[in-house]
Amino acid sequence: MIKGITVTLYEKTKTGTDDFNQDIFEEVPVEIEDVLVAPAQSQEILDGINLYGKKAVFTLGIPKNDEHDWEDKRIEFYFKNRFMKVRSFGFPLEGIECNIPLKWNKKVMVEMYG
């Protein structure tokens, strides 16, 4: 049986504006359960470098019915007895739910940053 892990997604929430009328944001941690974590494939690494100038380290499989914004977000999780700090990049790839047999239908590439 395939089972994902719990990851912490840091969502940005607007908390106000500064003296220059620019928005001020605060990162709020949200735990997302049952996320698949897999090492990035060779082609994904090359695509990330060519398109975004960033090296994909992992690919995350996001469960169906997840409504969170995964674009350019900070993410933390434990993987193989190690605490990982990563950042998503690019656009999440999402499949049609009814055409995908398992519990995951969205794919997010992440790079290591800390």
PDB file of N, CA and C in Angstrom:
ATOM      1  N   MET A   1       0.838  -1.181   0.000  1.00  0.00           N
ATOM      2  CA  MET A   1       0.000   0.000   0.000  1.00  0.00           C
ATOM      3  C   MET A   1       0.884   1.246   0.000  1.00  0.00           C
ATOM      4  N   ILE A   2       0.584   2.161  -0.880  1.00  0.00           N
ATOM      5  CA  ILE A   2       1.346   3.404  -0.972  1.00  0.00           C
ATOM      6  C   ILE A   2       0.820   4.382   0.070  1.00  0.00           C
ATOM      7  N   LYS A   3       1.741   4.999   0.806  1.00  0.00           N
ATOM      8  CA  LYS A   3       1.349   5.962   1.837  1.00  0.00           C
ATOM      9  C   LYS A   3       2.334   7.122   1.818  1.00  0.00           C
ATOM     10  N   GLY A   4       1.810   8.317   1.898  1.00  0.00           N
ATOM     11  CA  GLY A   4       2.642   9.507   1.912  1.00  0.00           C
ATOM     12  C   GLY A   4       3.023   9.917   3.329  1.00  0.00           C
ATOM     13  N   ILE A   5       3.725  11.031   3.419  1.00  0.00           N
ATOM     14  CA  ILE A   5       4.142  11.563   4.714  1.00  0.00           C
ATOM     15  C   ILE A   5       3.465  12.914   4.945  1.00  0.00           C
ATOM     16  N   THR A   6       3.597  13.434   6.153  1.00  0.00           N
ATOM     17  CA  THR A   6       3.058  14.748   6.482  1.00  0.00           C
ATOM     18  C   THR A   6       4.129  15.793   6.206  1.00  0.00           C
ATOM     19  N   VAL A   7       3.769  16.827   5.463  1.00  0.00           N
ATOM     20  CA  VAL A   7       4.689  17.927   5.179  1.00  0.00           C
ATOM     21  C   VAL A   7       4.098  19.213   5.740  1.00  0.00           C
ATOM     22  N   THR A   8       4.974  20.174   6.020  1.00  0.00           N
ATOM     23  CA  THR A   8       4.532  21.486   6.488  1.00  0.00           C
ATOM     24  C   THR A   8       4.680  22.474   5.353  1.00  0.00           C
ATOM     25  N   LEU A   9       3.564  23.033   4.932  1.00  0.00           N
ATOM     26  CA  LEU A   9       3.518  24.034   3.869  1.00  0.00           C
ATOM     27  C   LEU A   9       3.346  25.394   4.524  1.00  0.00           C
ATOM     28  N   TYR A  10       4.185  26.354   4.159  1.00  0.00           N
ATOM     29  CA  TYR A  10       4.096  27.694   4.725  1.00  0.00           C
ATOM     30  C   TYR A  10       3.338  28.591   3.763  1.00  0.00           C
ATOM     31  N   GLU A  11       2.089  28.901   4.133  1.00  0.00           N
ATOM     32  CA  GLU A  11       1.244  29.766   3.318  1.00  0.00           C
ATOM     33  C   GLU A  11       1.452  31.216   3.727  1.00  0.00           C
ATOM     34  N   LYS A  12       1.404  32.109   2.752  1.00  0.00           N
ATOM     35  CA  LYS A  12       1.556  33.529   3.029  1.00  0.00           C
ATOM     36  C   LYS A  12       0.179  34.145   3.269  1.00  0.00           C
ATOM     37  N   THR A  13       0.061  34.850   4.393  1.00  0.00           N
ATOM     38  CA  THR A  13      -1.179  35.517   4.754  1.00  0.00           C
ATOM     39  C   THR A  13      -0.905  37.005   4.897  1.00  0.00           C
ATOM     40  N   LYS A  14      -1.721  37.834   4.258  1.00  0.00           N
ATOM     41  CA  LYS A  14      -1.537  39.281   4.331  1.00  0.00           C
ATOM     42  C   LYS A  14      -1.914  39.763   5.724  1.00  0.00           C
ATOM     43  N   THR A  15      -0.992  40.514   6.352  1.00  0.00           N
ATOM     44  CA  THR A  15      -1.235  41.009   7.709  1.00  0.00           C
ATOM     45  C   THR A  15      -1.401  42.527   7.757  1.00  0.00           C
ATOM     46  N   GLY A  16      -1.164  43.208   6.649  1.00  0.00           N
ATOM     47  CA  GLY A  16      -1.326  44.657   6.635  1.00  0.00           C
ATOM     48  C   GLY A  16      -0.514  45.285   5.518  1.00  0.00           C
ATOM     49  N   THR A  17      -0.291  46.593   5.645  1.00  0.00           N
ATOM     50  CA  THR A  17       0.525  47.329   4.674  1.00  0.00           C
ATOM     51  C   THR A  17       1.545  48.176   5.414  1.00  0.00           C
ATOM     52  N   ASP A  18       2.670  48.454   4.749  1.00  0.00           N
ATOM     53  CA  ASP A  18       3.703  49.263   5.366  1.00  0.00           C
ATOM     54  C   ASP A  18       3.516  50.740   4.991  1.00  0.00           C
ATOM     55  N   ASP A  19       4.493  51.578   5.378  1.00  0.00           N
ATOM     56  CA  ASP A  19       4.413  53.016   5.128  1.00  0.00           C
ATOM     57  C   ASP A  19       4.447  53.359   3.643  1.00  0.00           C
ATOM     58  N   PHE A  20       4.952  52.459   2.812  1.00  0.00           N
ATOM     59  CA  PHE A  20       5.033  52.693   1.373  1.00  0.00           C
ATOM     60  C   PHE A  20       3.856  52.050   0.627  1.00  0.00           C
ATOM     61  N   ASN A  21       2.823  51.668   1.386  1.00  0.00           N
ATOM     62  CA  ASN A  21       1.613  51.061   0.851  1.00  0.00           C
ATOM     63  C   ASN A  21       1.875  49.710   0.170  1.00  0.00           C
ATOM     64  N   GLN A  22       2.895  48.998   0.638  1.00  0.00           N
ATOM     65  CA  GLN A  22       3.184  47.645   0.158  1.00  0.00           C
ATOM     66  C   GLN A  22       2.623  46.638   1.148  1.00  0.00           C
ATOM     67  N   ASP A  23       2.139  45.527   0.647  1.00  0.00           N
ATOM     68  CA  ASP A  23       1.556  44.497   1.505  1.00  0.00           C
ATOM     69  C   ASP A  23       2.615  43.845   2.382  1.00  0.00           C
ATOM     70  N   ILE A  24       2.229  43.517   3.607  1.00  0.00           N
ATOM     71  CA  ILE A  24       3.080  42.786   4.547  1.00  0.00           C
ATOM     72  C   ILE A  24       2.466  41.400   4.706  1.00  0.00           C
ATOM     73  N   PHE A  25       3.301  40.365   4.568  1.00  0.00           N
ATOM     74  CA  PHE A  25       2.828  38.998   4.653  1.00  0.00           C
ATOM     75  C   PHE A  25       3.493  38.269   5.809  1.00  0.00           C
ATOM     76  N   GLU A  26       2.784  37.296   6.356  1.00  0.00           N
ATOM     77  CA  GLU A  26       3.322  36.424   7.391  1.00  0.00           C
ATOM     78  C   GLU A  26       3.153  34.986   6.916  1.00  0.00           C
ATOM     79  N   GLU A  27       4.164  34.156   7.154  1.00  0.00           N
ATOM     80  CA  GLU A  27       4.065  32.755   6.770  1.00  0.00           C
ATOM     81  C   GLU A  27       3.407  31.956   7.892  1.00  0.00           C
ATOM     82  N   VAL A  28       2.358  31.237   7.532  1.00  0.00           N
ATOM     83  CA  VAL A  28       1.604  30.430   8.486  1.00  0.00           C
ATOM     84  C   VAL A  28       1.800  28.958   8.139  1.00  0.00           C
ATOM     85  N   PRO A  29       2.321  28.142   9.076  1.00  0.00           N
ATOM     86  CA  PRO A  29       2.532  26.724   8.766  1.00  0.00           C
ATOM     87  C   PRO A  29       1.216  25.943   8.747  1.00  0.00           C
ATOM     88  N   VAL A  30       1.059  25.110   7.715  1.00  0.00           N
ATOM     89  CA  VAL A  30      -0.106  24.243   7.575  1.00  0.00           C
ATOM     90  C   VAL A  30       0.403  22.831   7.304  1.00  0.00           C
ATOM     91  N   GLU A  31      -0.054  21.868   8.090  1.00  0.00           N
ATOM     92  CA  GLU A  31       0.373  20.485   7.883  1.00  0.00           C
ATOM     93  C   GLU A  31      -0.538  19.807   6.868  1.00  0.00           C
ATOM     94  N   ILE A  32       0.079  19.217   5.839  1.00  0.00           N
ATOM     95  CA  ILE A  32      -0.639  18.494   4.803  1.00  0.00           C
ATOM     96  C   ILE A  32      -0.250  17.020   4.928  1.00  0.00           C
ATOM     97  N   GLU A  33      -1.227  16.165   5.098  1.00  0.00           N
ATOM     98  CA  GLU A  33      -0.966  14.738   5.271  1.00  0.00           C
ATOM     99  C   GLU A  33      -0.988  13.988   3.941  1.00  0.00           C
ATOM    100  N   ASP A  34      -0.322  12.860   3.935  1.00  0.00           N
ATOM    101  CA  ASP A  34      -0.336  11.905   2.823  1.00  0.00           C
ATOM    102  C   ASP A  34       0.229  12.479   1.522  1.00  0.00           C
ATOM    103  N   VAL A  35       1.364  13.160   1.625  1.00  0.00           N
ATOM    104  CA  VAL A  35       2.055  13.706   0.453  1.00  0.00           C
ATOM    105  C   VAL A  35       3.177  12.735   0.077  1.00  0.00           C
ATOM    106  N   LEU A  36       3.213  12.354  -1.187  1.00  0.00           N
ATOM    107  CA  LEU A  36       4.285  11.473  -1.661  1.00  0.00           C
ATOM    108  C   LEU A  36       5.546  12.293  -1.906  1.00  0.00           C
ATOM    109  N   VAL A  37       6.690  11.761  -1.535  1.00  0.00           N
ATOM    110  CA  VAL A  37       7.979  12.424  -1.774  1.00  0.00           C
ATOM    111  C   VAL A  37       8.863  11.440  -2.528  1.00  0.00           C
ATOM    112  N   ALA A  38       9.350  11.885  -3.686  1.00  0.00           N
ATOM    113  CA  ALA A  38      10.207  11.030  -4.507  1.00  0.00           C
ATOM    114  C   ALA A  38      11.360  11.854  -5.052  1.00  0.00           C
ATOM    115  N   PRO A  39      12.529  11.252  -5.198  1.00  0.00           N
ATOM    116  CA  PRO A  39      13.642  11.972  -5.834  1.00  0.00           C
ATOM    117  C   PRO A  39      13.266  12.363  -7.261  1.00  0.00           C
ATOM    118  N   ALA A  40      13.723  13.515  -7.676  1.00  0.00           N
ATOM    119  CA  ALA A  40      13.424  14.000  -9.028  1.00  0.00           C
ATOM    120  C   ALA A  40      14.104  13.109 -10.062  1.00  0.00           C
ATOM    121  N   GLN A  41      13.440  12.920 -11.192  1.00  0.00           N
ATOM    122  CA  GLN A  41      14.010  12.149 -12.282  1.00  0.00           C
ATOM    123  C   GLN A  41      14.952  13.030 -13.098  1.00  0.00           C
ATOM    124  N   SER A  42      15.818  12.404 -13.865  1.00  0.00           N
ATOM    125  CA  SER A  42      16.821  13.132 -14.651  1.00  0.00           C
ATOM    126  C   SER A  42      16.192  14.188 -15.552  1.00  0.00           C
ATOM    127  N   GLN A  43      15.111  13.834 -16.232  1.00  0.00           N
ATOM    128  CA  GLN A  43      14.470  14.783 -17.141  1.00  0.00           C
ATOM    129  C   GLN A  43      13.858  15.962 -16.387  1.00  0.00           C
ATOM    130  N   GLU A  44      13.296  15.718 -15.204  1.00  0.00           N
ATOM    131  CA  GLU A  44      12.737  16.801 -14.391  1.00  0.00           C
ATOM    132  C   GLU A  44      13.829  17.761 -13.925  1.00  0.00           C
ATOM    133  N   ILE A  45      14.993  17.214 -13.592  1.00  0.00           N
ATOM    134  CA  ILE A  45      16.111  18.061 -13.172  1.00  0.00           C
ATOM    135  C   ILE A  45      16.541  18.961 -14.325  1.00  0.00           C
ATOM    136  N   LEU A  46      16.695  18.380 -15.516  1.00  0.00           N
ATOM    137  CA  LEU A  46      17.087  19.168 -16.690  1.00  0.00           C
ATOM    138  C   LEU A  46      16.032  20.207 -17.053  1.00  0.00           C
ATOM    139  N   ASP A  47      14.757  19.827 -17.001  1.00  0.00           N
ATOM    140  CA  ASP A  47      13.684  20.770 -17.310  1.00  0.00           C
ATOM    141  C   ASP A  47      13.686  21.938 -16.326  1.00  0.00           C
ATOM    142  N   GLY A  48      13.869  21.651 -15.052  1.00  0.00           N
ATOM    143  CA  GLY A  48      13.902  22.714 -14.041  1.00  0.00           C
ATOM    144  C   GLY A  48      15.044  23.683 -14.262  1.00  0.00           C
ATOM    145  N   ILE A  49      16.206  23.158 -14.611  1.00  0.00           N
ATOM    146  CA  ILE A  49      17.363  24.019 -14.866  1.00  0.00           C
ATOM    147  C   ILE A  49      17.148  24.851 -16.119  1.00  0.00           C
ATOM    148  N   ASN A  50      16.650  24.221 -17.182  1.00  0.00           N
ATOM    149  CA  ASN A  50      16.450  24.934 -18.449  1.00  0.00           C
ATOM    150  C   ASN A  50      15.338  25.972 -18.374  1.00  0.00           C
ATOM    151  N   LEU A  51      14.261  25.668 -17.694  1.00  0.00           N
ATOM    152  CA  LEU A  51      13.115  26.575 -17.657  1.00  0.00           C
ATOM    153  C   LEU A  51      13.192  27.625 -16.561  1.00  0.00           C
ATOM    154  N   TYR A  52      13.697  27.241 -15.378  1.00  0.00           N
ATOM    155  CA  TYR A  52      13.631  28.131 -14.218  1.00  0.00           C
ATOM    156  C   TYR A  52      14.999  28.488 -13.634  1.00  0.00           C
ATOM    157  N   GLY A  53      16.047  27.790 -14.073  1.00  0.00           N
ATOM    158  CA  GLY A  53      17.364  28.023 -13.498  1.00  0.00           C
ATOM    159  C   GLY A  53      17.495  27.436 -12.105  1.00  0.00           C
ATOM    160  N   LYS A  54      16.643  26.467 -11.768  1.00  0.00           N
ATOM    161  CA  LYS A  54      16.655  25.842 -10.443  1.00  0.00           C
ATOM    162  C   LYS A  54      16.755  24.333 -10.602  1.00  0.00           C
ATOM    163  N   LYS A  55      17.436  23.695  -9.657  1.00  0.00           N
ATOM    164  CA  LYS A  55      17.637  22.249  -9.734  1.00  0.00           C
ATOM    165  C   LYS A  55      16.593  21.530  -8.889  1.00  0.00           C
ATOM    166  N   ALA A  56      15.739  20.777  -9.548  1.00  0.00           N
ATOM    167  CA  ALA A  56      14.726  19.988  -8.846  1.00  0.00           C
ATOM    168  C   ALA A  56      15.412  18.861  -8.084  1.00  0.00           C
ATOM    169  N   VAL A  57      15.094  18.734  -6.803  1.00  0.00           N
ATOM    170  CA  VAL A  57      15.672  17.679  -5.982  1.00  0.00           C
ATOM    171  C   VAL A  57      14.630  16.605  -5.686  1.00  0.00           C
ATOM    172  N   PHE A  58      13.401  17.034  -5.403  1.00  0.00           N
ATOM    173  CA  PHE A  58      12.308  16.112  -5.119  1.00  0.00           C
ATOM    174  C   PHE A  58      11.087  16.496  -5.942  1.00  0.00           C
ATOM    175  N   THR A  59      10.229  15.506  -6.127  1.00  0.00           N
ATOM    176  CA  THR A  59       8.906  15.736  -6.695  1.00  0.00           C
ATOM    177  C   THR A  59       7.899  15.311  -5.645  1.00  0.00           C
ATOM    178  N   LEU A  60       6.937  16.188  -5.368  1.00  0.00           N
ATOM    179  CA  LEU A  60       5.912  15.900  -4.376  1.00  0.00           C
ATOM    180  C   LEU A  60       4.615  15.513  -5.080  1.00  0.00           C
ATOM    181  N   GLY A  61       3.979  14.459  -4.613  1.00  0.00           N
ATOM    182  CA  GLY A  61       2.664  14.059  -5.092  1.00  0.00           C
ATOM    183  C   GLY A  61       1.626  14.551  -4.107  1.00  0.00           C
ATOM    184  N   ILE A  62       0.748  15.431  -4.555  1.00  0.00           N
ATOM    185  CA  ILE A  62      -0.229  16.080  -3.679  1.00  0.00           C
ATOM    186  C   ILE A  62      -1.560  15.323  -3.778  1.00  0.00           C
ATOM    187  N   PRO A  63      -2.219  15.066  -2.629  1.00  0.00           N
ATOM    188  CA  PRO A  63      -3.484  14.325  -2.655  1.00  0.00           C
ATOM    189  C   PRO A  63      -4.587  15.055  -3.426  1.00  0.00           C
ATOM    190  N   LYS A  64      -5.525  14.268  -3.935  1.00  0.00           N
ATOM    191  CA  LYS A  64      -6.690  14.834  -4.622  1.00  0.00           C
ATOM    192  C   LYS A  64      -7.480  15.692  -3.636  1.00  0.00           C
ATOM    193  N   ASN A  65      -8.212  16.639  -4.143  1.00  0.00           N
ATOM    194  CA  ASN A  65      -9.056  17.557  -3.368  1.00  0.00           C
ATOM    195  C   ASN A  65      -8.265  18.535  -2.510  1.00  0.00           C
ATOM    196  N   ASP A  66      -6.959  18.631  -2.695  1.00  0.00           N
ATOM    197  CA  ASP A  66      -6.167  19.612  -1.949  1.00  0.00           C
ATOM    198  C   ASP A  66      -6.356  20.980  -2.589  1.00  0.00           C
ATOM    199  N   GLU A  67      -6.691  21.977  -1.791  1.00  0.00           N
ATOM    200  CA  GLU A  67      -6.973  23.324  -2.298  1.00  0.00           C
ATOM    201  C   GLU A  67      -5.862  24.333  -1.998  1.00  0.00           C
ATOM    202  N   HIS A  68      -4.747  23.906  -1.431  1.00  0.00           N
ATOM    203  CA  HIS A  68      -3.668  24.826  -1.077  1.00  0.00           C
ATOM    204  C   HIS A  68      -2.915  25.305  -2.318  1.00  0.00           C
ATOM    205  N   ASP A  69      -2.344  26.488  -2.214  1.00  0.00           N
ATOM    206  CA  ASP A  69      -1.513  27.043  -3.281  1.00  0.00           C
ATOM    207  C   ASP A  69      -0.088  26.545  -3.061  1.00  0.00           C
ATOM    208  N   TRP A  70       0.454  25.804  -4.021  1.00  0.00           N
ATOM    209  CA  TRP A  70       1.778  25.209  -3.897  1.00  0.00           C
ATOM    210  C   TRP A  70       2.828  25.962  -4.702  1.00  0.00           C
ATOM    211  N   GLU A  71       2.477  27.046  -5.323  1.00  0.00           N
ATOM    212  CA  GLU A  71       3.399  27.774  -6.192  1.00  0.00           C
ATOM    213  C   GLU A  71       4.312  28.683  -5.378  1.00  0.00           C
ATOM    214  N   ASP A  72       5.636  28.468  -5.507  1.00  0.00           N
ATOM    215  CA  ASP A  72       6.659  29.272  -4.832  1.00  0.00           C
ATOM    216  C   ASP A  72       6.444  29.338  -3.321  1.00  0.00           C
ATOM    217  N   LYS A  73       6.365  28.179  -2.688  1.00  0.00           N
ATOM    218  CA  LYS A  73       6.144  28.085  -1.245  1.00  0.00           C
ATOM    219  C   LYS A  73       7.286  27.348  -0.564  1.00  0.00           C
ATOM    220  N   ARG A  74       7.489  27.676   0.707  1.00  0.00           N
ATOM    221  CA  ARG A  74       8.467  26.989   1.538  1.00  0.00           C
ATOM    222  C   ARG A  74       7.794  25.756   2.127  1.00  0.00           C
ATOM    223  N   ILE A  75       8.524  24.633   2.110  1.00  0.00           N
ATOM    224  CA  ILE A  75       7.984  23.353   2.567  1.00  0.00           C
ATOM    225  C   ILE A  75       9.047  22.667   3.417  1.00  0.00           C
ATOM    226  N   GLU A  76       8.602  22.016   4.494  1.00  0.00           N
ATOM    227  CA  GLU A  76       9.527  21.275   5.358  1.00  0.00           C
ATOM    228  C   GLU A  76       8.947  19.896   5.635  1.00  0.00           C
ATOM    229  N   PHE A  77       9.856  18.891   5.730  1.00  0.00           N
ATOM    230  CA  PHE A  77       9.424  17.528   6.041  1.00  0.00           C
ATOM    231  C   PHE A  77      10.639  16.702   6.436  1.00  0.00           C
ATOM    232  N   TYR A  78      10.363  15.542   7.046  1.00  0.00           N
ATOM    233  CA  TYR A  78      11.399  14.557   7.351  1.00  0.00           C
ATOM    234  C   TYR A  78      11.412  13.532   6.236  1.00  0.00           C
ATOM    235  N   PHE A  79      12.610  13.247   5.720  1.00  0.00           N
ATOM    236  CA  PHE A  79      12.759  12.260   4.653  1.00  0.00           C
ATOM    237  C   PHE A  79      14.013  11.453   4.926  1.00  0.00           C
ATOM    238  N   LYS A  80      13.839  10.167   5.098  1.00  0.00           N
ATOM    239  CA  LYS A  80      14.955   9.259   5.387  1.00  0.00           C
ATOM    240  C   LYS A  80      15.777   9.747   6.578  1.00  0.00           C
ATOM    241  N   ASN A  81      15.102   9.984   7.688  1.00  0.00           N
ATOM    242  CA  ASN A  81      15.722  10.392   8.954  1.00  0.00           C
ATOM    243  C   ASN A  81      16.469  11.712   8.865  1.00  0.00           C
ATOM    244  N   ARG A  82      16.028  12.592   7.999  1.00  0.00           N
ATOM    245  CA  ARG A  82      16.682  13.889   7.824  1.00  0.00           C
ATOM    246  C   ARG A  82      15.621  14.963   7.641  1.00  0.00           C
ATOM    247  N   PHE A  83      15.822  16.113   8.272  1.00  0.00           N
ATOM    248  CA  PHE A  83      14.884  17.225   8.142  1.00  0.00           C
ATOM    249  C   PHE A  83      15.232  18.004   6.888  1.00  0.00           C
ATOM    250  N   MET A  84      14.272  18.147   5.983  1.00  0.00           N
ATOM    251  CA  MET A  84      14.504  18.801   4.701  1.00  0.00           C
ATOM    252  C   MET A  84      13.766  20.126   4.643  1.00  0.00           C
ATOM    253  N   LYS A  85      14.457  21.145   4.151  1.00  0.00           N
ATOM    254  CA  LYS A  85      13.839  22.436   3.876  1.00  0.00           C
ATOM    255  C   LYS A  85      13.933  22.650   2.375  1.00  0.00           C
ATOM    256  N   VAL A  86      12.778  22.765   1.729  1.00  0.00           N
ATOM    257  CA  VAL A  86      12.735  22.901   0.282  1.00  0.00           C
ATOM    258  C   VAL A  86      11.800  24.046  -0.086  1.00  0.00           C
ATOM    259  N   ARG A  87      11.881  24.465  -1.346  1.00  0.00           N
ATOM    260  CA  ARG A  87      10.986  25.495  -1.877  1.00  0.00           C
ATOM    261  C   ARG A  87      10.452  25.016  -3.216  1.00  0.00           C
ATOM    262  N   SER A  88       9.153  25.151  -3.387  1.00  0.00           N
ATOM    263  CA  SER A  88       8.544  24.744  -4.649  1.00  0.00           C
ATOM    264  C   SER A  88       8.838  25.785  -5.718  1.00  0.00           C
ATOM    265  N   PHE A  89       8.871  25.337  -6.964  1.00  0.00           N
ATOM    266  CA  PHE A  89       9.059  26.266  -8.077  1.00  0.00           C
ATOM    267  C   PHE A  89       8.295  25.743  -9.284  1.00  0.00           C
ATOM    268  N   GLY A  90       8.064  26.627 -10.222  1.00  0.00           N
ATOM    269  CA  GLY A  90       7.288  26.246 -11.398  1.00  0.00           C
ATOM    270  C   GLY A  90       5.810  26.149 -11.065  1.00  0.00           C
ATOM    271  N   PHE A  91       5.061  25.665 -12.018  1.00  0.00           N
ATOM    272  CA  PHE A  91       3.627  25.504 -11.828  1.00  0.00           C
ATOM    273  C   PHE A  91       3.332  24.064 -11.446  1.00  0.00           C
ATOM    274  N   PRO A  92       2.468  23.845 -10.446  1.00  0.00           N
ATOM    275  CA  PRO A  92       2.069  22.478 -10.127  1.00  0.00           C
ATOM    276  C   PRO A  92       1.345  21.856 -11.316  1.00  0.00           C
ATOM    277  N   LEU A  93       1.697  20.626 -11.635  1.00  0.00           N
ATOM    278  CA  LEU A  93       1.040  19.895 -12.716  1.00  0.00           C
ATOM    279  C   LEU A  93      -0.108  19.098 -12.116  1.00  0.00           C
ATOM    280  N   GLU A  94      -1.321  19.323 -12.642  1.00  0.00           N
ATOM    281  CA  GLU A  94      -2.485  18.670 -12.073  1.00  0.00           C
ATOM    282  C   GLU A  94      -3.223  17.865 -13.136  1.00  0.00           C
ATOM    283  N   GLY A  95      -3.525  16.614 -12.807  1.00  0.00           N
ATOM    284  CA  GLY A  95      -4.269  15.751 -13.718  1.00  0.00           C
ATOM    285  C   GLY A  95      -5.754  15.779 -13.399  1.00  0.00           C
ATOM    286  N   ILE A  96      -6.538  15.188 -14.269  1.00  0.00           N
ATOM    287  CA  ILE A  96      -7.983  15.103 -14.063  1.00  0.00           C
ATOM    288  C   ILE A  96      -8.251  13.995 -13.047  1.00  0.00           C
ATOM    289  N   GLU A  97      -8.905  14.354 -11.951  1.00  0.00           N
ATOM    290  CA  GLU A  97      -9.081  13.429 -10.833  1.00  0.00           C
ATOM    291  C   GLU A  97      -9.698  12.096 -11.230  1.00  0.00           C
ATOM    292  N   CYS A  98     -10.741  12.125 -12.035  1.00  0.00           N
ATOM    293  CA  CYS A  98     -11.442  10.878 -12.364  1.00  0.00           C
ATOM    294  C   CYS A  98     -10.627   9.972 -13.295  1.00  0.00           C
ATOM    295  N   ASN A  99      -9.600  10.501 -13.938  1.00  0.00           N
ATOM    296  CA  ASN A  99      -8.770   9.701 -14.835  1.00  0.00           C
ATOM    297  C   ASN A  99      -7.541   9.117 -14.156  1.00  0.00           C
ATOM    298  N   ILE A 100      -7.308   9.462 -12.898  1.00  0.00           N
ATOM    299  CA  ILE A 100      -6.134   8.989 -12.172  1.00  0.00           C
ATOM    300  C   ILE A 100      -6.604   8.041 -11.077  1.00  0.00           C
ATOM    301  N   PRO A 101      -6.132   6.795 -11.081  1.00  0.00           N
ATOM    302  CA  PRO A 101      -6.683   5.784 -10.178  1.00  0.00           C
ATOM    303  C   PRO A 101      -6.275   5.915  -8.710  1.00  0.00           C
ATOM    304  N   LEU A 102      -5.148   6.492  -8.404  1.00  0.00           N
ATOM    305  CA  LEU A 102      -4.700   6.556  -7.019  1.00  0.00           C
ATOM    306  C   LEU A 102      -5.207   7.819  -6.327  1.00  0.00           C
ATOM    307  N   LYS A 103      -4.659   8.108  -5.140  1.00  0.00           N
ATOM    308  CA  LYS A 103      -5.139   9.228  -4.327  1.00  0.00           C
ATOM    309  C   LYS A 103      -4.455  10.561  -4.636  1.00  0.00           C
ATOM    310  N   TRP A 104      -3.513  10.588  -5.579  1.00  0.00           N
ATOM    311  CA  TRP A 104      -2.744  11.802  -5.842  1.00  0.00           C
ATOM    312  C   TRP A 104      -2.913  12.214  -7.295  1.00  0.00           C
ATOM    313  N   ASN A 105      -3.113  13.516  -7.530  1.00  0.00           N
ATOM    314  CA  ASN A 105      -3.302  13.960  -8.910  1.00  0.00           C
ATOM    315  C   ASN A 105      -2.530  15.234  -9.236  1.00  0.00           C
ATOM    316  N   LYS A 106      -1.702  15.700  -8.314  1.00  0.00           N
ATOM    317  CA  LYS A 106      -0.950  16.931  -8.546  1.00  0.00           C
ATOM    318  C   LYS A 106       0.518  16.655  -8.266  1.00  0.00           C
ATOM    319  N   LYS A 107       1.394  17.255  -9.076  1.00  0.00           N
ATOM    320  CA  LYS A 107       2.838  17.044  -8.951  1.00  0.00           C
ATOM    321  C   LYS A 107       3.515  18.402  -8.810  1.00  0.00           C
ATOM    322  N   VAL A 108       4.368  18.540  -7.783  1.00  0.00           N
ATOM    323  CA  VAL A 108       5.065  19.790  -7.500  1.00  0.00           C
ATOM    324  C   VAL A 108       6.564  19.509  -7.439  1.00  0.00           C
ATOM    325  N   MET A 109       7.363  20.304  -8.163  1.00  0.00           N
ATOM    326  CA  MET A 109       8.826  20.163  -8.094  1.00  0.00           C
ATOM    327  C   MET A 109       9.356  21.097  -7.024  1.00  0.00           C
ATOM    328  N   VAL A 110      10.356  20.626  -6.288  1.00  0.00           N
ATOM    329  CA  VAL A 110      10.955  21.442  -5.230  1.00  0.00           C
ATOM    330  C   VAL A 110      12.468  21.417  -5.336  1.00  0.00           C
ATOM    331  N   GLU A 111      13.085  22.518  -4.887  1.00  0.00           N
ATOM    332  CA  GLU A 111      14.543  22.622  -4.818  1.00  0.00           C
ATOM    333  C   GLU A 111      14.952  22.711  -3.361  1.00  0.00           C
ATOM    334  N   MET A 112      16.154  22.273  -3.046  1.00  0.00           N
ATOM    335  CA  MET A 112      16.696  22.349  -1.714  1.00  0.00           C
ATOM    336  C   MET A 112      17.238  23.745  -1.485  1.00  0.00           C
ATOM    337  N   TYR A 113      16.966  24.326  -0.314  1.00  0.00           N
ATOM    338  CA  TYR A 113      17.523  25.655  -0.071  1.00  0.00           C
ATOM    339  C   TYR A 113      18.122  25.817   1.304  1.00  0.00           C
ATOM    340  N   GLY A 114      17.993  24.869   2.181  1.00  0.00           N
ATOM    341  CA  GLY A 114      18.559  25.083   3.507  1.00  0.00           C
ATOM    342  C   GLY A 114      18.950  23.834   4.189  1.00  0.00           C
TER     343      GLY A 114
END
